[in-house]
Structures are given as C-alpha cells and as structure tokens.
C-alpha cells in the first residue's frame, strides 16, 4: 500500500532568476497542494512558479503561476492539486531577489 507523507517542499525566498525549490525523489510521486507567497517589501512585485517534468526545460510553458502580482506586504495562498513525477522539479523566480517568501507544501507518495 502506498505511503502518503505530508511534506513541506520548500521554504525560501525567490531569486530574480529561476531557482530550484524542490526535486521529486526517486520512486516517488509528489502532489503540490499549497503555495504561499509573501511580499516582504513596500513595493509591488511579481512571482512565477514552474513545474518542470524530468528532463524538461525551464520555460514559461511549465508555469503553474505566471507573474502573479503581489502588492506591498501582501500574502497570497494558492490551493492546488498539481502532480509531479519522479525527477520533476519545482522552480520559482520573482521580479526582485530576496523580496518574496515562498512556502510550498503537499504530499509525497511512495510505493
């Protein structure tokens, strides 16, 4: 019987260039359930989150959140059910480095 393990996939600040947030381990399928974005600055910013399939390219085609606008000091919560297979990666970037906190949680399913 598969084991469903709740997990925080990432707790970090987004960079201005696409950066790695999480990689699905071997023999595992992951389910992204929630993304929390927090703009910690006094100005408006944007954030982008991507799911890259194993062996895929880091391109806009893989965006699950594209240039989401966050007002000064705003928090946004996104409820999802995004499936990621073994080797897939979750990547993120912001319009300004170290200004948006990002927390991603979900489940890892192993056989």
C-alpha atoms as a PDB file:
ATOM      1  CA  UNK A   1       0.000   0.000   0.000  1.00  0.00           C
ATOM      2  CA  UNK A   2       1.431   3.417  -0.954  1.00  0.00           C
ATOM      3  CA  UNK A   3       2.518   5.784   1.812  1.00  0.00           C
ATOM      4  CA  UNK A   4       1.243   9.378   1.645  1.00  0.00           C
ATOM      5  CA  UNK A   5       3.632  11.601   3.560  1.00  0.00           C
ATOM      6  CA  UNK A   6       2.776  15.267   4.195  1.00  0.00           C
ATOM      7  CA  UNK A   7       5.789  17.410   3.371  1.00  0.00           C
ATOM      8  CA  UNK A   8       6.926  20.995   3.132  1.00  0.00           C
ATOM      9  CA  UNK A   9       8.659  21.027  -0.250  1.00  0.00           C
ATOM     10  CA  UNK A  10      10.155  24.485   0.047  1.00  0.00           C
ATOM     11  CA  UNK A  11      10.520  27.396   2.425  1.00  0.00           C
ATOM     12  CA  UNK A  12      12.702  30.011   0.792  1.00  0.00           C
ATOM     13  CA  UNK A  13      13.000  33.436  -0.761  1.00  0.00           C
ATOM     14  CA  UNK A  14      12.651  33.610  -4.520  1.00  0.00           C
ATOM     15  CA  UNK A  15      15.609  34.813  -6.582  1.00  0.00           C
ATOM     16  CA  UNK A  16      15.391  37.142  -9.583  1.00  0.00           C
ATOM     17  CA  UNK A  17      16.404  34.223 -11.833  1.00  0.00           C
ATOM     18  CA  UNK A  18      14.682  30.838 -11.891  1.00  0.00           C
ATOM     19  CA  UNK A  19      15.882  28.798  -8.923  1.00  0.00           C
ATOM     20  CA  UNK A  20      15.302  25.253  -7.709  1.00  0.00           C
ATOM     21  CA  UNK A  21      12.706  24.879  -4.940  1.00  0.00           C
ATOM     22  CA  UNK A  22      12.156  21.081  -4.900  1.00  0.00           C
ATOM     23  CA  UNK A  23      13.020  17.875  -6.773  1.00  0.00           C
ATOM     24  CA  UNK A  24      10.789  14.788  -6.611  1.00  0.00           C
ATOM     25  CA  UNK A  25      12.839  11.883  -5.170  1.00  0.00           C
ATOM     26  CA  UNK A  26      13.286   8.520  -6.911  1.00  0.00           C
ATOM     27  CA  UNK A  27      10.332   6.110  -6.773  1.00  0.00           C
ATOM     28  CA  UNK A  28       8.071   8.954  -5.625  1.00  0.00           C
ATOM     29  CA  UNK A  29       5.144  10.937  -6.982  1.00  0.00           C
ATOM     30  CA  UNK A  30       4.515  14.304  -5.347  1.00  0.00           C
ATOM     31  CA  UNK A  31       1.311  16.292  -5.099  1.00  0.00           C
ATOM     32  CA  UNK A  32       1.648  20.067  -4.654  1.00  0.00           C
ATOM     33  CA  UNK A  33      -1.322  21.198  -2.553  1.00  0.00           C
ATOM     34  CA  UNK A  34      -0.492  24.726  -1.434  1.00  0.00           C
ATOM     35  CA  UNK A  35       1.780  27.609  -2.370  1.00  0.00           C
ATOM     36  CA  UNK A  36       2.055  30.652  -0.111  1.00  0.00           C
ATOM     37  CA  UNK A  37       3.727  33.796  -1.478  1.00  0.00           C
ATOM     38  CA  UNK A  38       4.549  36.739   0.799  1.00  0.00           C
ATOM     39  CA  UNK A  39       5.826  40.070  -0.493  1.00  0.00           C
ATOM     40  CA  UNK A  40       8.001  41.406   2.348  1.00  0.00           C
ATOM     41  CA  UNK A  41       8.684  44.785   0.739  1.00  0.00           C
ATOM     42  CA  UNK A  42       6.979  48.176   0.494  1.00  0.00           C
ATOM     43  CA  UNK A  43       6.598  47.881  -3.296  1.00  0.00           C
ATOM     44  CA  UNK A  44       4.610  45.744  -5.724  1.00  0.00           C
ATOM     45  CA  UNK A  45       6.366  42.636  -7.121  1.00  0.00           C
ATOM     46  CA  UNK A  46       5.606  39.565  -9.219  1.00  0.00           C
ATOM     47  CA  UNK A  47       6.326  35.861  -8.726  1.00  0.00           C
ATOM     48  CA  UNK A  48       6.392  32.883 -11.085  1.00  0.00           C
ATOM     49  CA  UNK A  49       6.348  29.180 -10.120  1.00  0.00           C
ATOM     50  CA  UNK A  50       7.093  26.362 -12.597  1.00  0.00           C
ATOM     51  CA  UNK A  51       6.833  22.570 -12.590  1.00  0.00           C
ATOM     52  CA  UNK A  52       9.485  21.126 -14.904  1.00  0.00           C
ATOM     53  CA  UNK A  53       8.992  17.478 -15.935  1.00  0.00           C
ATOM     54  CA  UNK A  54      12.004  15.214 -15.532  1.00  0.00           C
ATOM     55  CA  UNK A  55      14.407  16.074 -18.343  1.00  0.00           C
ATOM     56  CA  UNK A  56      12.295  19.084 -19.386  1.00  0.00           C
ATOM     57  CA  UNK A  57      13.383  22.664 -19.990  1.00  0.00           C
ATOM     58  CA  UNK A  58      12.865  25.610 -17.631  1.00  0.00           C
ATOM     59  CA  UNK A  59      10.460  27.600 -19.815  1.00  0.00           C
ATOM     60  CA  UNK A  60       7.228  29.563 -19.480  1.00  0.00           C
ATOM     61  CA  UNK A  61       5.355  26.550 -20.920  1.00  0.00           C
ATOM     62  CA  UNK A  62       5.717  24.919 -17.488  1.00  0.00           C
ATOM     63  CA  UNK A  63       4.320  27.807 -15.413  1.00  0.00           C
ATOM     64  CA  UNK A  64       1.645  26.983 -12.852  1.00  0.00           C
ATOM     65  CA  UNK A  65       1.693  30.610 -11.599  1.00  0.00           C
ATOM     66  CA  UNK A  66       2.866  33.278 -14.076  1.00  0.00           C
ATOM     67  CA  UNK A  67       3.980  36.741 -12.961  1.00  0.00           C
ATOM     68  CA  UNK A  68       1.462  36.810 -10.114  1.00  0.00           C
ATOM     69  CA  UNK A  69       1.267  40.409  -8.856  1.00  0.00           C
ATOM     70  CA  UNK A  70       1.683  40.916  -5.113  1.00  0.00           C
ATOM     71  CA  UNK A  71       1.076  44.339  -3.611  1.00  0.00           C
ATOM     72  CA  UNK A  72       3.356  45.695  -0.889  1.00  0.00           C
ATOM     73  CA  UNK A  73       3.324  43.386   2.156  1.00  0.00           C
ATOM     74  CA  UNK A  74       0.670  41.144   0.574  1.00  0.00           C
ATOM     75  CA  UNK A  75       0.252  37.410   1.219  1.00  0.00           C
ATOM     76  CA  UNK A  76      -1.394  35.137  -1.362  1.00  0.00           C
ATOM     77  CA  UNK A  77      -2.360  31.492  -0.850  1.00  0.00           C
ATOM     78  CA  UNK A  78      -2.918  29.150  -3.803  1.00  0.00           C
ATOM     79  CA  UNK A  79      -4.667  25.790  -3.334  1.00  0.00           C
ATOM     80  CA  UNK A  80      -3.597  23.275  -6.000  1.00  0.00           C
ATOM     81  CA  UNK A  81      -3.585  19.612  -6.936  1.00  0.00           C
ATOM     82  CA  UNK A  82      -0.535  19.527  -9.192  1.00  0.00           C
ATOM     83  CA  UNK A  83       1.050  16.093  -9.719  1.00  0.00           C
ATOM     84  CA  UNK A  84       4.823  15.813 -10.126  1.00  0.00           C
ATOM     85  CA  UNK A  85       6.524  12.571 -11.196  1.00  0.00           C
ATOM     86  CA  UNK A  86       9.959  11.259 -10.170  1.00  0.00           C
ATOM     87  CA  UNK A  87      12.730  13.669 -11.193  1.00  0.00           C
ATOM     88  CA  UNK A  88      10.416  16.622 -11.839  1.00  0.00           C
ATOM     89  CA  UNK A  89      11.459  19.932 -10.324  1.00  0.00           C
ATOM     90  CA  UNK A  90       9.655  22.921  -8.878  1.00  0.00           C
ATOM     91  CA  UNK A  91      11.314  26.241  -9.696  1.00  0.00           C
ATOM     92  CA  UNK A  92      10.486  29.850  -8.885  1.00  0.00           C
ATOM     93  CA  UNK A  93      11.535  33.433  -9.536  1.00  0.00           C
ATOM     94  CA  UNK A  94      10.493  36.939  -8.569  1.00  0.00           C
ATOM     95  CA  UNK A  95      10.782  40.396 -10.097  1.00  0.00           C
ATOM     96  CA  UNK A  96      13.227  41.282  -7.284  1.00  0.00           C
ATOM     97  CA  UNK A  97      15.561  38.899  -5.448  1.00  0.00           C
ATOM     98  CA  UNK A  98      15.049  38.044  -1.763  1.00  0.00           C
ATOM     99  CA  UNK A  99      11.791  40.010  -1.569  1.00  0.00           C
ATOM    100  CA  UNK A 100       9.151  37.263  -1.844  1.00  0.00           C
ATOM    101  CA  UNK A 101       8.973  34.408   0.635  1.00  0.00           C
ATOM    102  CA  UNK A 102       7.673  31.148  -0.837  1.00  0.00           C
ATOM    103  CA  UNK A 103       6.344  28.120   1.034  1.00  0.00           C
ATOM    104  CA  UNK A 104       5.203  25.038  -0.870  1.00  0.00           C
ATOM    105  CA  UNK A 105       3.606  22.000   0.734  1.00  0.00           C
ATOM    106  CA  UNK A 106       1.925  18.796  -0.330  1.00  0.00           C
ATOM    107  CA  UNK A 107       2.378  15.036  -0.219  1.00  0.00           C
ATOM    108  CA  UNK A 108       4.985  12.553  -1.342  1.00  0.00           C
ATOM    109  CA  UNK A 109       3.536   9.190  -2.404  1.00  0.00           C
ATOM    110  CA  UNK A 110       5.854   6.181  -2.349  1.00  0.00           C
ATOM    111  CA  UNK A 111       5.092   2.557  -3.138  1.00  0.00           C
END
